[in-house]
């Protein structure tokens, strides 16, 4: 009996509350034991809630078609084009510099009205062209939960930050986007994330 009581007290981290209980196995001590056991169960329950991972937010109403994809060795490209011959300093420039093998994807994603990509991030950057509809985007690091609207004919860049983002179709027609994405070879394109908490009703 004493051994069992000592074990319960140790788990609940309440040795002082149990000291007298172990010396007097009376009705009073049994009452204290029940109290200590209840406290231990509550503490274990709270700990379990703390360490359980937050639940990811799934896609809803989304279809994706891979138009093309392919693997590249390390890319180290710098391009410079003179866009104004009269001014030698007026150049358009582009640079792609990767370390390690890279996979490029060209995708067409369609989101039905009311649909959502869910909260997520990517393992690399994406260039996005909105073909039809309006993409409503929320950033995972924006505590104001301010939507950014990307109508048909516009473009935007998703750098793939760890904080992630969410894109919804809040319109009445399907949202169609074309995506060009670079990710490390062999890795998934998408990482599901839980709601960041700034936008508890937006998923």
Protein backbone atom coordinates (compact mmCIF):
# COMPACT_ATOMS: atom_id res chain seq x y z
CA UNK A 1 0.00 0.00 0.00
CA UNK A 2 2.77 2.43 0.96
CA UNK A 3 4.65 1.66 -2.26
CA UNK A 4 1.55 2.42 -4.37
CA UNK A 5 0.90 5.66 -2.50
CA UNK A 6 4.53 6.74 -2.89
CA UNK A 7 4.35 6.05 -6.64
CA UNK A 8 1.20 8.17 -7.06
CA UNK A 9 2.70 10.99 -5.02
CA UNK A 10 5.92 10.97 -7.00
CA UNK A 11 4.08 11.12 -10.34
CA UNK A 12 1.94 14.00 -9.13
CA UNK A 13 5.05 15.78 -7.75
CA UNK A 14 3.26 16.32 -4.40
CA UNK A 15 5.54 14.56 -1.86
CA UNK A 16 4.68 16.89 1.02
CA UNK A 17 0.95 16.29 0.60
CA UNK A 18 1.58 12.57 0.81
CA UNK A 19 4.05 12.36 3.69
CA UNK A 20 1.45 11.82 6.41
CA UNK A 21 -0.74 9.72 4.13
CA UNK A 22 1.94 7.04 3.90
CA UNK A 23 2.20 6.83 7.70
CA UNK A 24 -1.55 6.51 8.40
CA UNK A 25 -3.50 4.17 6.10
CA UNK A 26 -6.82 5.42 7.56
CA UNK A 27 -10.05 6.63 5.98
CA UNK A 28 -8.57 10.13 5.90
CA UNK A 29 -5.43 8.91 4.14
CA UNK A 30 -7.48 7.01 1.57
CA UNK A 31 -9.44 10.22 0.87
CA UNK A 32 -6.18 12.13 0.36
CA UNK A 33 -4.92 9.36 -1.91
CA UNK A 34 -8.01 9.70 -4.10
CA UNK A 35 -7.46 13.46 -4.24
CA UNK A 36 -3.79 13.06 -5.17
CA UNK A 37 -4.70 10.49 -7.84
CA UNK A 38 -7.26 12.88 -9.35
CA UNK A 39 -4.67 15.69 -9.43
CA UNK A 40 -2.19 13.37 -11.13
CA UNK A 41 -4.73 12.43 -13.80
CA UNK A 42 -5.56 16.09 -14.44
CA UNK A 43 -1.86 16.95 -14.81
CA UNK A 44 -1.32 14.08 -17.23
CA UNK A 45 -4.35 15.16 -19.27
CA UNK A 46 -3.14 18.76 -19.50
CA UNK A 47 0.32 17.57 -20.56
CA UNK A 48 -1.22 15.42 -23.29
CA UNK A 49 -3.19 18.39 -24.63
CA UNK A 50 -0.05 20.53 -24.70
CA UNK A 51 2.10 18.05 -26.62
CA UNK A 52 -0.55 16.93 -29.14
CA UNK A 53 0.22 18.47 -32.57
CA UNK A 54 -2.21 21.02 -34.01
CA UNK A 55 -4.37 19.63 -36.78
CA UNK A 56 -3.64 20.53 -40.38
CA UNK A 57 -6.29 22.20 -42.54
CA UNK A 58 -7.04 20.12 -45.65
CA UNK A 59 -7.79 21.24 -49.19
CA UNK A 60 -11.44 21.53 -50.16
CA UNK A 61 -12.77 21.73 -53.71
CA UNK A 62 -9.32 21.68 -55.34
CA UNK A 63 -8.15 19.71 -58.36
CA UNK A 64 -4.58 19.82 -59.65
CA UNK A 65 -3.13 18.75 -63.00
CA UNK A 66 0.62 18.48 -63.61
CA UNK A 67 1.24 19.93 -67.07
CA UNK A 68 4.98 19.24 -67.09
CA UNK A 69 7.84 18.49 -64.71
CA UNK A 70 11.52 17.67 -64.84
CA UNK A 71 14.75 17.45 -62.85
CA UNK A 72 17.69 19.84 -63.17
CA UNK A 73 21.22 19.75 -61.85
CA UNK A 74 22.40 22.80 -59.92
CA UNK A 75 21.29 25.97 -61.71
CA UNK A 76 23.56 29.01 -61.83
CA UNK A 77 22.17 31.44 -64.37
CA UNK A 78 22.51 35.20 -64.62
CA UNK A 79 20.84 37.01 -67.51
CA UNK A 80 21.03 40.69 -68.41
CA UNK A 81 19.16 42.33 -71.30
CA UNK A 82 19.48 45.94 -72.42
CA UNK A 83 15.89 47.20 -72.57
CA UNK A 84 16.84 50.77 -73.47
CA UNK A 85 19.78 51.04 -75.91
CA UNK A 86 19.98 54.80 -75.32
CA UNK A 87 20.81 54.30 -71.64
CA UNK A 88 23.62 51.77 -71.01
CA UNK A 89 22.58 51.37 -67.34
CA UNK A 90 18.96 50.40 -68.09
CA UNK A 91 19.05 46.61 -67.88
CA UNK A 92 16.54 43.92 -67.11
CA UNK A 93 18.20 41.27 -64.96
CA UNK A 94 17.37 37.76 -63.76
CA UNK A 95 19.26 35.31 -61.58
CA UNK A 96 18.60 31.70 -60.56
CA UNK A 97 21.13 30.07 -58.26
CA UNK A 98 20.34 26.71 -56.71
CA UNK A 99 22.40 24.34 -54.60
CA UNK A 100 21.65 20.68 -55.17
CA UNK A 101 19.38 19.01 -57.69
CA UNK A 102 16.08 20.76 -58.38
CA UNK A 103 12.70 19.63 -59.66
CA UNK A 104 10.54 22.01 -61.67
CA UNK A 105 6.76 21.60 -61.84
CA UNK A 106 4.22 23.32 -64.08
CA UNK A 107 0.74 22.89 -62.63
CA UNK A 108 -2.81 23.96 -63.29
CA UNK A 109 -4.91 24.20 -60.13
CA UNK A 110 -8.67 24.71 -60.14
CA UNK A 111 -10.58 25.76 -57.01
CA UNK A 112 -14.36 25.60 -57.03
CA UNK A 113 -16.40 28.47 -55.48
CA UNK A 114 -16.10 28.20 -51.71
CA UNK A 115 -13.04 25.95 -52.04
CA UNK A 116 -9.70 26.41 -50.32
CA UNK A 117 -6.11 25.18 -50.51
CA UNK A 118 -6.01 25.04 -46.71
CA UNK A 119 -3.10 26.42 -44.67
CA UNK A 120 0.20 25.19 -46.09
CA UNK A 121 3.73 26.07 -47.12
CA UNK A 122 5.98 24.84 -49.91
CA UNK A 123 9.52 23.48 -50.08
CA UNK A 124 10.44 26.01 -52.75
CA UNK A 125 9.24 29.17 -54.52
CA UNK A 126 6.25 29.39 -56.86
CA UNK A 127 5.35 31.83 -59.64
CA UNK A 128 1.57 32.01 -59.99
CA UNK A 129 -0.60 33.30 -62.87
CA UNK A 130 -4.32 33.76 -62.17
CA UNK A 131 -6.13 32.56 -65.28
CA UNK A 132 -9.74 33.06 -64.12
CA UNK A 133 -11.63 33.95 -60.95
CA UNK A 134 -10.13 35.74 -57.96
CA UNK A 135 -7.57 34.23 -55.58
CA UNK A 136 -8.04 35.43 -51.99
CA UNK A 137 -4.77 34.96 -50.13
CA UNK A 138 -4.05 35.09 -46.39
CA UNK A 139 -0.48 35.11 -45.05
CA UNK A 140 0.42 32.93 -42.08
CA UNK A 141 2.58 35.68 -40.52
CA UNK A 142 -0.05 38.46 -40.75
CA UNK A 143 -1.73 38.96 -37.34
CA UNK A 144 -4.28 41.33 -38.95
CA UNK A 145 -5.62 38.50 -41.13
CA UNK A 146 -5.91 40.92 -44.07
CA UNK A 147 -6.83 39.20 -47.37
CA UNK A 148 -4.93 39.95 -50.57
CA UNK A 149 -6.98 39.73 -53.75
CA UNK A 150 -5.42 38.47 -57.00
CA UNK A 151 -7.95 38.76 -59.86
CA UNK A 152 -7.73 37.10 -63.27
CA UNK A 153 -4.85 38.44 -65.36
CA UNK A 154 -2.62 39.19 -62.35
CA UNK A 155 0.32 37.32 -60.91
CA UNK A 156 1.92 36.79 -57.53
CA UNK A 157 4.92 35.04 -56.00
CA UNK A 158 4.79 32.48 -53.21
CA UNK A 159 8.28 32.27 -51.71
CA UNK A 160 7.35 29.14 -49.75
CA UNK A 161 7.96 30.62 -46.28
CA UNK A 162 7.68 28.34 -43.25
CA UNK A 163 4.80 30.47 -41.90
CA UNK A 164 2.78 29.46 -44.93
CA UNK A 165 -0.37 30.91 -46.42
CA UNK A 166 -3.88 30.05 -47.53
CA UNK A 167 -5.61 30.74 -50.84
CA UNK A 168 -9.40 30.58 -51.15
CA UNK A 169 -11.97 31.04 -53.87
CA UNK A 170 -14.60 33.32 -52.37
CA UNK A 171 -16.08 34.14 -55.78
CA UNK A 172 -18.90 32.65 -57.84
CA UNK A 173 -16.80 31.15 -60.67
CA UNK A 174 -13.96 28.60 -60.56
CA UNK A 175 -10.52 29.96 -59.70
CA UNK A 176 -7.88 28.66 -62.12
CA UNK A 177 -4.17 29.30 -61.58
CA UNK A 178 -1.07 28.19 -63.46
CA UNK A 179 1.90 27.54 -61.19
CA UNK A 180 5.61 27.19 -61.93
CA UNK A 181 7.39 25.79 -58.88
CA UNK A 182 10.98 24.87 -57.99
CA UNK A 183 11.62 22.44 -55.12
CA UNK A 184 14.55 20.27 -54.00
CA UNK A 185 14.71 17.04 -55.99
CA UNK A 186 12.93 14.20 -54.19
CA UNK A 187 10.95 16.40 -51.79
CA UNK A 188 7.19 16.97 -51.62
CA UNK A 189 5.84 20.23 -53.00
CA UNK A 190 3.39 20.98 -50.18
CA UNK A 191 3.57 20.92 -46.38
CA UNK A 192 0.22 21.02 -44.56
CA UNK A 193 -0.03 23.52 -41.68
CA UNK A 194 -2.56 24.24 -38.93
CA UNK A 195 -4.47 27.51 -38.79
CA UNK A 196 -1.98 30.07 -37.37
CA UNK A 197 -4.61 31.40 -34.97
CA UNK A 198 -4.89 34.89 -36.45
CA UNK A 199 -7.77 33.81 -38.67
CA UNK A 200 -9.67 31.18 -36.64
CA UNK A 201 -12.66 31.15 -39.03
CA UNK A 202 -10.60 31.10 -42.25
CA UNK A 203 -9.58 27.65 -43.44
